[in-house]
Every structure is written in C-alpha cells, then in structure tokens.
Amino acid sequence: LCSPEPVNCYPLLMNIISNSLLRLRNSTARIRVWSELFPRLQTPDIKNYIFFNCLDYLLLLAAGLPPLFAVSSTEDYKVKSTSC
C-alpha cells in the first residue's frame, strides 16, 4: 500500500489507523486523507494564465540579458582589461 517515500506513506497510514479506530467504536463515518502537495488545476483557463505569465516573464528576461553582456564587454574594452 505504501511507496518507499515517506511523503506518501504517512497520510495513508494515518488513514488506515483512524478508520480502524472509528470501526472499533461502531461508527459508520470514514476519514479520507490525501497527499497532494498542490491542488489540481481543473480549469484550462488557470493553466493558460500560468503558462502565458511564465512565457511573458521568460521573454522579458531573454530580451534584457543581451544588452547586459554588451555593456559589460564595452566597459571592458574601454578599460582595456584582458582575461588571464
């Protein structure tokens, strides 16, 4: 029932123990435990929003990096620095 990873094992064991204790008290209720780290995104709108926000961020980052390298090499040229 358990995988070797403790992240998945502990919720499952707690579920088994708690439900067995409820059965000992002649209860019909059950406790459900799940171990999802993040809630699943059901709507494609949220997935598209996250994807396009990440894409926009990466495009802005890619557009801003080349001028940084150009300025750095231009300053090195002016100072006439050389690498060892």
PDB file of N, CA and C in Angstrom:
ATOM      1  N   LEU A   1       0.815  -1.202   0.000  1.00  0.00           N
ATOM      2  CA  LEU A   1       0.000   0.000   0.000  1.00  0.00           C
ATOM      3  C   LEU A   1       0.855   1.261   0.000  1.00  0.00           C
ATOM      4  N   CYS A   2       2.023   1.191   0.589  1.00  0.00           N
ATOM      5  CA  CYS A   2       2.870   2.375   0.733  1.00  0.00           C
ATOM      6  C   CYS A   2       4.018   2.327  -0.251  1.00  0.00           C
ATOM      7  N   SER A   3       4.342   3.461  -0.795  1.00  0.00           N
ATOM      8  CA  SER A   3       5.564   3.555  -1.584  1.00  0.00           C
ATOM      9  C   SER A   3       6.715   3.821  -0.621  1.00  0.00           C
ATOM     10  N   PRO A   4       7.957   3.666  -1.053  1.00  0.00           N
ATOM     11  CA  PRO A   4       9.078   3.885  -0.133  1.00  0.00           C
ATOM     12  C   PRO A   4       9.260   5.332   0.298  1.00  0.00           C
ATOM     13  N   GLU A   5       8.590   6.245  -0.359  1.00  0.00           N
ATOM     14  CA  GLU A   5       8.720   7.652   0.013  1.00  0.00           C
ATOM     15  C   GLU A   5       7.823   7.962   1.209  1.00  0.00           C
ATOM     16  N   PRO A   6       8.360   8.548   2.279  1.00  0.00           N
ATOM     17  CA  PRO A   6       7.538   8.830   3.455  1.00  0.00           C
ATOM     18  C   PRO A   6       6.479   9.899   3.230  1.00  0.00           C
ATOM     19  N   VAL A   7       6.643  10.719   2.191  1.00  0.00           N
ATOM     20  CA  VAL A   7       5.655  11.758   1.921  1.00  0.00           C
ATOM     21  C   VAL A   7       4.302  11.122   1.605  1.00  0.00           C
ATOM     22  N   ASN A   8       4.317  10.013   0.875  1.00  0.00           N
ATOM     23  CA  ASN A   8       3.080   9.350   0.507  1.00  0.00           C
ATOM     24  C   ASN A   8       2.639   8.331   1.541  1.00  0.00           C
ATOM     25  N   CYS A   9       3.550   7.849   2.353  1.00  0.00           N
ATOM     26  CA  CYS A   9       3.249   6.750   3.258  1.00  0.00           C
ATOM     27  C   CYS A   9       2.498   7.216   4.506  1.00  0.00           C
ATOM     28  N   TYR A  10       2.890   8.329   5.086  1.00  0.00           N
ATOM     29  CA  TYR A  10       2.289   8.755   6.354  1.00  0.00           C
ATOM     30  C   TYR A  10       0.802   9.082   6.250  1.00  0.00           C
ATOM     31  N   PRO A  11       0.360   9.793   5.238  1.00  0.00           N
ATOM     32  CA  PRO A  11      -1.093  10.018   5.145  1.00  0.00           C
ATOM     33  C   PRO A  11      -1.888   8.730   4.978  1.00  0.00           C
ATOM     34  N   LEU A  12      -1.341   7.792   4.247  1.00  0.00           N
ATOM     35  CA  LEU A  12      -2.020   6.515   4.053  1.00  0.00           C
ATOM     36  C   LEU A  12      -2.105   5.738   5.362  1.00  0.00           C
ATOM     37  N   LEU A  13      -1.022   5.699   6.111  1.00  0.00           N
ATOM     38  CA  LEU A  13      -1.042   5.004   7.400  1.00  0.00           C
ATOM     39  C   LEU A  13      -1.997   5.675   8.390  1.00  0.00           C
ATOM     40  N   MET A  14      -2.019   7.005   8.388  1.00  0.00           N
ATOM     41  CA  MET A  14      -2.943   7.713   9.282  1.00  0.00           C
ATOM     42  C   MET A  14      -4.389   7.422   8.896  1.00  0.00           C
ATOM     43  N   ASN A  15      -4.654   7.292   7.621  1.00  0.00           N
ATOM     44  CA  ASN A  15      -5.995   6.971   7.167  1.00  0.00           C
ATOM     45  C   ASN A  15      -6.402   5.582   7.634  1.00  0.00           C
ATOM     46  N   ILE A  16      -5.515   4.612   7.500  1.00  0.00           N
ATOM     47  CA  ILE A  16      -5.816   3.245   7.933  1.00  0.00           C
ATOM     48  C   ILE A  16      -6.043   3.192   9.439  1.00  0.00           C
ATOM     49  N   ILE A  17      -5.188   3.844  10.194  1.00  0.00           N
ATOM     50  CA  ILE A  17      -5.315   3.815  11.662  1.00  0.00           C
ATOM     51  C   ILE A  17      -6.587   4.517  12.116  1.00  0.00           C
ATOM     52  N   SER A  18      -6.863   5.693  11.555  1.00  0.00           N
ATOM     53  CA  SER A  18      -8.042   6.434  12.004  1.00  0.00           C
ATOM     54  C   SER A  18      -9.337   5.713  11.632  1.00  0.00           C
ATOM     55  N   ASN A  19      -9.383   5.124  10.444  1.00  0.00           N
ATOM     56  CA  ASN A  19     -10.588   4.396  10.064  1.00  0.00           C
ATOM     57  C   ASN A  19     -10.765   3.124  10.882  1.00  0.00           C
ATOM     58  N   SER A  20      -9.673   2.467  11.255  1.00  0.00           N
ATOM     59  CA  SER A  20      -9.813   1.280  12.106  1.00  0.00           C
ATOM     60  C   SER A  20     -10.279   1.667  13.508  1.00  0.00           C
ATOM     61  N   LEU A  21      -9.819   2.810  14.020  1.00  0.00           N
ATOM     62  CA  LEU A  21     -10.308   3.263  15.328  1.00  0.00           C
ATOM     63  C   LEU A  21     -11.790   3.632  15.266  1.00  0.00           C
ATOM     64  N   LEU A  22     -12.220   4.210  14.160  1.00  0.00           N
ATOM     65  CA  LEU A  22     -13.641   4.517  14.005  1.00  0.00           C
ATOM     66  C   LEU A  22     -14.480   3.236  13.941  1.00  0.00           C
ATOM     67  N   ARG A  23     -13.969   2.205  13.296  1.00  0.00           N
ATOM     68  CA  ARG A  23     -14.705   0.941  13.228  1.00  0.00           C
ATOM     69  C   ARG A  23     -14.804   0.290  14.596  1.00  0.00           C
ATOM     70  N   LEU A  24     -13.770   0.456  15.422  1.00  0.00           N
ATOM     71  CA  LEU A  24     -13.815  -0.112  16.774  1.00  0.00           C
ATOM     72  C   LEU A  24     -14.919   0.528  17.611  1.00  0.00           C
ATOM     73  N   ARG A  25     -15.244   1.769  17.314  1.00  0.00           N
ATOM     74  CA  ARG A  25     -16.299   2.471  18.056  1.00  0.00           C
ATOM     75  C   ARG A  25     -17.659   2.324  17.390  1.00  0.00           C
ATOM     76  N   ASN A  26     -17.767   1.415  16.432  1.00  0.00           N
ATOM     77  CA  ASN A  26     -19.018   1.134  15.722  1.00  0.00           C
ATOM     78  C   ASN A  26     -19.574   2.371  15.014  1.00  0.00           C
ATOM     79  N   SER A  27     -18.695   3.110  14.413  1.00  0.00           N
ATOM     80  CA  SER A  27     -19.108   4.305  13.682  1.00  0.00           C
ATOM     81  C   SER A  27     -19.177   3.988  12.195  1.00  0.00           C
ATOM     82  N   THR A  28     -20.091   4.633  11.515  1.00  0.00           N
ATOM     83  CA  THR A  28     -20.194   4.446  10.063  1.00  0.00           C
ATOM     84  C   THR A  28     -19.438   5.532   9.300  1.00  0.00           C
ATOM     85  N   ALA A  29     -18.929   6.515  10.009  1.00  0.00           N
ATOM     86  CA  ALA A  29     -18.187   7.598   9.350  1.00  0.00           C
ATOM     87  C   ALA A  29     -16.802   7.112   8.938  1.00  0.00           C
ATOM     88  N   ARG A  30     -16.279   7.727   7.935  1.00  0.00           N
ATOM     89  CA  ARG A  30     -14.941   7.412   7.456  1.00  0.00           C
ATOM     90  C   ARG A  30     -14.153   8.711   7.283  1.00  0.00           C
ATOM     91  N   ILE A  31     -12.861   8.611   7.488  1.00  0.00           N
ATOM     92  CA  ILE A  31     -11.969   9.748   7.298  1.00  0.00           C
ATOM     93  C   ILE A  31     -11.197   9.521   6.008  1.00  0.00           C
ATOM     94  N   ARG A  32     -11.157  10.526   5.180  1.00  0.00           N
ATOM     95  CA  ARG A  32     -10.438  10.434   3.922  1.00  0.00           C
ATOM     96  C   ARG A  32      -9.225  11.347   3.987  1.00  0.00           C
ATOM     97  N   VAL A  33      -8.053  10.801   3.695  1.00  0.00           N
ATOM     98  CA  VAL A  33      -6.808  11.557   3.729  1.00  0.00           C
ATOM     99  C   VAL A  33      -6.169  11.469   2.353  1.00  0.00           C
ATOM    100  N   TRP A  34      -5.635  12.590   1.856  1.00  0.00           N
ATOM    101  CA  TRP A  34      -4.936  12.574   0.577  1.00  0.00           C
ATOM    102  C   TRP A  34      -3.654  13.362   0.724  1.00  0.00           C
ATOM    103  N   SER A  35      -2.737  13.093  -0.131  1.00  0.00           N
ATOM    104  CA  SER A  35      -1.404  13.698   0.000  1.00  0.00           C
ATOM    105  C   SER A  35      -0.992  14.434  -1.267  1.00  0.00           C
ATOM    106  N   GLU A  36      -1.843  15.257  -1.799  1.00  0.00           N
ATOM    107  CA  GLU A  36      -1.471  16.077  -2.933  1.00  0.00           C
ATOM    108  C   GLU A  36      -0.804  17.338  -2.413  1.00  0.00           C
ATOM    109  N   LEU A  37       0.380  17.632  -2.935  1.00  0.00           N
ATOM    110  CA  LEU A  37       1.100  18.806  -2.469  1.00  0.00           C
ATOM    111  C   LEU A  37       0.426  20.091  -2.931  1.00  0.00           C
ATOM    112  N   PHE A  38      -0.066  20.070  -4.159  1.00  0.00           N
ATOM    113  CA  PHE A  38      -0.745  21.232  -4.708  1.00  0.00           C
ATOM    114  C   PHE A  38      -2.105  20.802  -5.232  1.00  0.00           C
ATOM    115  N   PRO A  39      -3.111  21.632  -5.084  1.00  0.00           N
ATOM    116  CA  PRO A  39      -4.412  21.252  -5.632  1.00  0.00           C
ATOM    117  C   PRO A  39      -4.342  21.170  -7.150  1.00  0.00           C
ATOM    118  N   ARG A  40      -5.069  20.238  -7.698  1.00  0.00           N
ATOM    119  CA  ARG A  40      -5.057  20.062  -9.150  1.00  0.00           C
ATOM    120  C   ARG A  40      -5.838  21.188  -9.816  1.00  0.00           C
ATOM    121  N   LEU A  41      -5.288  21.656 -10.911  1.00  0.00           N
ATOM    122  CA  LEU A  41      -5.947  22.723 -11.654  1.00  0.00           C
ATOM    123  C   LEU A  41      -6.958  22.089 -12.599  1.00  0.00           C
ATOM    124  N   GLN A  42      -8.219  22.343 -12.364  1.00  0.00           N
ATOM    125  CA  GLN A  42      -9.267  21.710 -13.155  1.00  0.00           C
ATOM    126  C   GLN A  42      -9.618  22.499 -14.406  1.00  0.00           C
ATOM    127  N   THR A  43      -9.509  23.804 -14.341  1.00  0.00           N
ATOM    128  CA  THR A  43      -9.924  24.607 -15.489  1.00  0.00           C
ATOM    129  C   THR A  43      -8.710  24.915 -16.373  1.00  0.00           C
ATOM    130  N   PRO A  44      -8.894  24.829 -17.679  1.00  0.00           N
ATOM    131  CA  PRO A  44      -7.773  25.158 -18.567  1.00  0.00           C
ATOM    132  C   PRO A  44      -7.439  26.650 -18.568  1.00  0.00           C
ATOM    133  N   ASP A  45      -8.372  27.491 -18.107  1.00  0.00           N
ATOM    134  CA  ASP A  45      -8.094  28.929 -18.060  1.00  0.00           C
ATOM    135  C   ASP A  45      -6.951  29.230 -17.106  1.00  0.00           C
ATOM    136  N   ILE A  46      -6.921  28.572 -15.970  1.00  0.00           N
ATOM    137  CA  ILE A  46      -5.861  28.807 -14.990  1.00  0.00           C
ATOM    138  C   ILE A  46      -4.524  28.305 -15.534  1.00  0.00           C
ATOM    139  N   LYS A  47      -4.547  27.149 -16.203  1.00  0.00           N
ATOM    140  CA  LYS A  47      -3.315  26.623 -16.787  1.00  0.00           C
ATOM    141  C   LYS A  47      -2.779  27.572 -17.850  1.00  0.00           C
ATOM    142  N   ASN A  48      -3.662  28.089 -18.687  1.00  0.00           N
ATOM    143  CA  ASN A  48      -3.235  29.033 -19.722  1.00  0.00           C
ATOM    144  C   ASN A  48      -2.697  30.316 -19.109  1.00  0.00           C
ATOM    145  N   TYR A  49      -3.331  30.792 -18.044  1.00  0.00           N
ATOM    146  CA  TYR A  49      -2.881  32.008 -17.365  1.00  0.00           C
ATOM    147  C   TYR A  49      -1.469  31.822 -16.819  1.00  0.00           C
ATOM    148  N   ILE A  50      -1.236  30.707 -16.150  1.00  0.00           N
ATOM    149  CA  ILE A  50       0.088  30.448 -15.581  1.00  0.00           C
ATOM    150  C   ILE A  50       1.123  30.285 -16.693  1.00  0.00           C
ATOM    151  N   PHE A  51       0.769  29.539 -17.737  1.00  0.00           N
ATOM    152  CA  PHE A  51       1.711  29.323 -18.836  1.00  0.00           C
ATOM    153  C   PHE A  51       2.102  30.635 -19.500  1.00  0.00           C
ATOM    154  N   PHE A  52       1.125  31.479 -19.830  1.00  0.00           N
ATOM    155  CA  PHE A  52       1.437  32.705 -20.543  1.00  0.00           C
ATOM    156  C   PHE A  52       2.140  33.719 -19.650  1.00  0.00           C
ATOM    157  N   ASN A  53       1.876  33.704 -18.353  1.00  0.00           N
ATOM    158  CA  ASN A  53       2.626  34.576 -17.457  1.00  0.00           C
ATOM    159  C   ASN A  53       4.091  34.158 -17.385  1.00  0.00           C
ATOM    160  N   CYS A  54       4.333  32.859 -17.312  1.00  0.00           N
ATOM    161  CA  CYS A  54       5.714  32.373 -17.303  1.00  0.00           C
ATOM    162  C   CYS A  54       6.397  32.679 -18.628  1.00  0.00           C
ATOM    163  N   LEU A  55       5.676  32.507 -19.723  1.00  0.00           N
ATOM    164  CA  LEU A  55       6.239  32.802 -21.038  1.00  0.00           C
ATOM    165  C   LEU A  55       6.589  34.288 -21.165  1.00  0.00           C
ATOM    166  N   ASP A  56       5.707  35.156 -20.706  1.00  0.00           N
ATOM    167  CA  ASP A  56       5.980  36.596 -20.748  1.00  0.00           C
ATOM    168  C   ASP A  56       7.216  36.939 -19.933  1.00  0.00           C
ATOM    169  N   TYR A  57       7.322  36.351 -18.761  1.00  0.00           N
ATOM    170  CA  TYR A  57       8.474  36.617 -17.895  1.00  0.00           C
ATOM    171  C   TYR A  57       9.771  36.165 -18.571  1.00  0.00           C
ATOM    172  N   LEU A  58       9.755  34.977 -19.169  1.00  0.00           N
ATOM    173  CA  LEU A  58      10.962  34.475 -19.822  1.00  0.00           C
ATOM    174  C   LEU A  58      11.329  35.309 -21.042  1.00  0.00           C
ATOM    175  N   LEU A  59      10.335  35.783 -21.791  1.00  0.00           N
ATOM    176  CA  LEU A  59      10.630  36.626 -22.944  1.00  0.00           C
ATOM    177  C   LEU A  59      11.226  37.966 -22.522  1.00  0.00           C
ATOM    178  N   LEU A  60      10.709  38.550 -21.451  1.00  0.00           N
ATOM    179  CA  LEU A  60      11.285  39.796 -20.949  1.00  0.00           C
ATOM    180  C   LEU A  60      12.704  39.577 -20.434  1.00  0.00           C
ATOM    181  N   LEU A  61      12.922  38.454 -19.788  1.00  0.00           N
ATOM    182  CA  LEU A  61      14.255  38.135 -19.294  1.00  0.00           C
ATOM    183  C   LEU A  61      15.224  37.929 -20.449  1.00  0.00           C
ATOM    184  N   ALA A  62      14.785  37.219 -21.482  1.00  0.00           N
ATOM    185  CA  ALA A  62      15.642  36.983 -22.647  1.00  0.00           C
ATOM    186  C   ALA A  62      15.931  38.277 -23.390  1.00  0.00           C
ATOM    187  N   ALA A  63      14.992  39.208 -23.391  1.00  0.00           N
ATOM    188  CA  ALA A  63      15.220  40.488 -24.073  1.00  0.00           C
ATOM    189  C   ALA A  63      16.158  41.383 -23.273  1.00  0.00           C
ATOM    190  N   GLY A  64      16.231  41.210 -21.976  1.00  0.00           N
ATOM    191  CA  GLY A  64      17.056  42.085 -21.154  1.00  0.00           C
ATOM    192  C   GLY A  64      18.474  41.613 -20.948  1.00  0.00           C
ATOM    193  N   LEU A  65      18.770  40.350 -21.207  1.00  0.00           N
ATOM    194  CA  LEU A  65      20.118  39.851 -20.949  1.00  0.00           C
ATOM    195  C   LEU A  65      21.163  40.270 -21.978  1.00  0.00           C
ATOM    196  N   PRO A  66      20.908  40.236 -23.279  1.00  0.00           N
ATOM    197  CA  PRO A  66      21.963  40.615 -24.237  1.00  0.00           C
ATOM    198  C   PRO A  66      22.512  42.031 -24.051  1.00  0.00           C
ATOM    199  N   PRO A  67      21.692  43.039 -23.770  1.00  0.00           N
ATOM    200  CA  PRO A  67      22.287  44.364 -23.516  1.00  0.00           C
ATOM    201  C   PRO A  67      23.209  44.372 -22.301  1.00  0.00           C
ATOM    202  N   LEU A  68      22.925  43.555 -21.321  1.00  0.00           N
ATOM    203  CA  LEU A  68      23.789  43.488 -20.144  1.00  0.00           C
ATOM    204  C   LEU A  68      25.173  42.983 -20.528  1.00  0.00           C
ATOM    205  N   PHE A  69      25.232  41.948 -21.357  1.00  0.00           N
ATOM    206  CA  PHE A  69      26.523  41.435 -21.796  1.00  0.00           C
ATOM    207  C   PHE A  69      27.244  42.435 -22.694  1.00  0.00           C
ATOM    208  N   ALA A  70      26.494  43.151 -23.525  1.00  0.00           N
ATOM    209  CA  ALA A  70      27.110  44.130 -24.420  1.00  0.00           C
ATOM    210  C   ALA A  70      27.719  45.278 -23.627  1.00  0.00           C
ATOM    211  N   VAL A  71      27.020  45.751 -22.600  1.00  0.00           N
ATOM    212  CA  VAL A  71      27.538  46.843 -21.782  1.00  0.00           C
ATOM    213  C   VAL A  71      28.775  46.386 -21.032  1.00  0.00           C
ATOM    214  N   SER A  72      28.766  45.170 -20.553  1.00  0.00           N
ATOM    215  CA  SER A  72      29.908  44.649 -19.817  1.00  0.00           C
ATOM    216  C   SER A  72      31.138  44.564 -20.709  1.00  0.00           C
ATOM    217  N   SER A  73      30.993  44.043 -21.918  1.00  0.00           N
ATOM    218  CA  SER A  73      32.145  43.921 -22.807  1.00  0.00           C
ATOM    219  C   SER A  73      32.617  45.288 -23.302  1.00  0.00           C
ATOM    220  N   THR A  74      31.698  46.240 -23.475  1.00  0.00           N
ATOM    221  CA  THR A  74      32.082  47.589 -23.883  1.00  0.00           C
ATOM    222  C   THR A  74      32.895  48.268 -22.800  1.00  0.00           C
ATOM    223  N   GLU A  75      32.498  48.100 -21.549  1.00  0.00           N
ATOM    224  CA  GLU A  75      33.255  48.683 -20.441  1.00  0.00           C
ATOM    225  C   GLU A  75      34.629  48.037 -20.323  1.00  0.00           C
ATOM    226  N   ASP A  76      34.704  46.735 -20.567  1.00  0.00           N
ATOM    227  CA  ASP A  76      35.999  46.061 -20.546  1.00  0.00           C
ATOM    228  C   ASP A  76      36.896  46.578 -21.664  1.00  0.00           C
ATOM    229  N   TYR A  77      36.309  46.851 -22.801  1.00  0.00           N
ATOM    230  CA  TYR A  77      37.089  47.385 -23.938  1.00  0.00           C
ATOM    231  C   TYR A  77      37.626  48.776 -23.624  1.00  0.00           C
ATOM    232  N   LYS A  78      36.803  49.610 -22.968  1.00  0.00           N
ATOM    233  CA  LYS A  78      37.244  50.970 -22.637  1.00  0.00           C
ATOM    234  C   LYS A  78      38.376  50.963 -21.628  1.00  0.00           C
ATOM    235  N   VAL A  79      38.287  50.050 -20.671  1.00  0.00           N
ATOM    236  CA  VAL A  79      39.314  49.978 -19.624  1.00  0.00           C
ATOM    237  C   VAL A  79      40.531  49.203 -20.126  1.00  0.00           C
ATOM    238  N   LYS A  80      40.368  48.501 -21.231  1.00  0.00           N
ATOM    239  CA  LYS A  80      41.402  47.667 -21.845  1.00  0.00           C
ATOM    240  C   LYS A  80      41.831  46.547 -20.906  1.00  0.00           C
ATOM    241  N   SER A  81      40.818  45.895 -20.328  1.00  0.00           N
ATOM    242  CA  SER A  81      41.114  44.769 -19.457  1.00  0.00           C
ATOM    243  C   SER A  81      41.229  43.501 -20.282  1.00  0.00           C
ATOM    244  N   THR A  82      42.065  42.603 -19.828  1.00  0.00           N
ATOM    245  CA  THR A  82      42.223  41.311 -20.508  1.00  0.00           C
ATOM    246  C   THR A  82      42.044  40.210 -19.498  1.00  0.00           C
ATOM    247  N   SER A  83      41.608  39.071 -19.981  1.00  0.00           N
ATOM    248  CA  SER A  83      41.459  37.926 -19.097  1.00  0.00           C
ATOM    249  C   SER A  83      42.749  37.136 -19.085  1.00  0.00           C
ATOM    250  N   CYS A  84      43.041  36.504 -17.979  1.00  0.00           N
ATOM    251  CA  CYS A  84      44.302  35.756 -17.840  1.00  0.00           C
ATOM    252  C   CYS A  84      44.285  34.469 -18.596  1.00  0.00           C
TER     253      CYS A  84
END
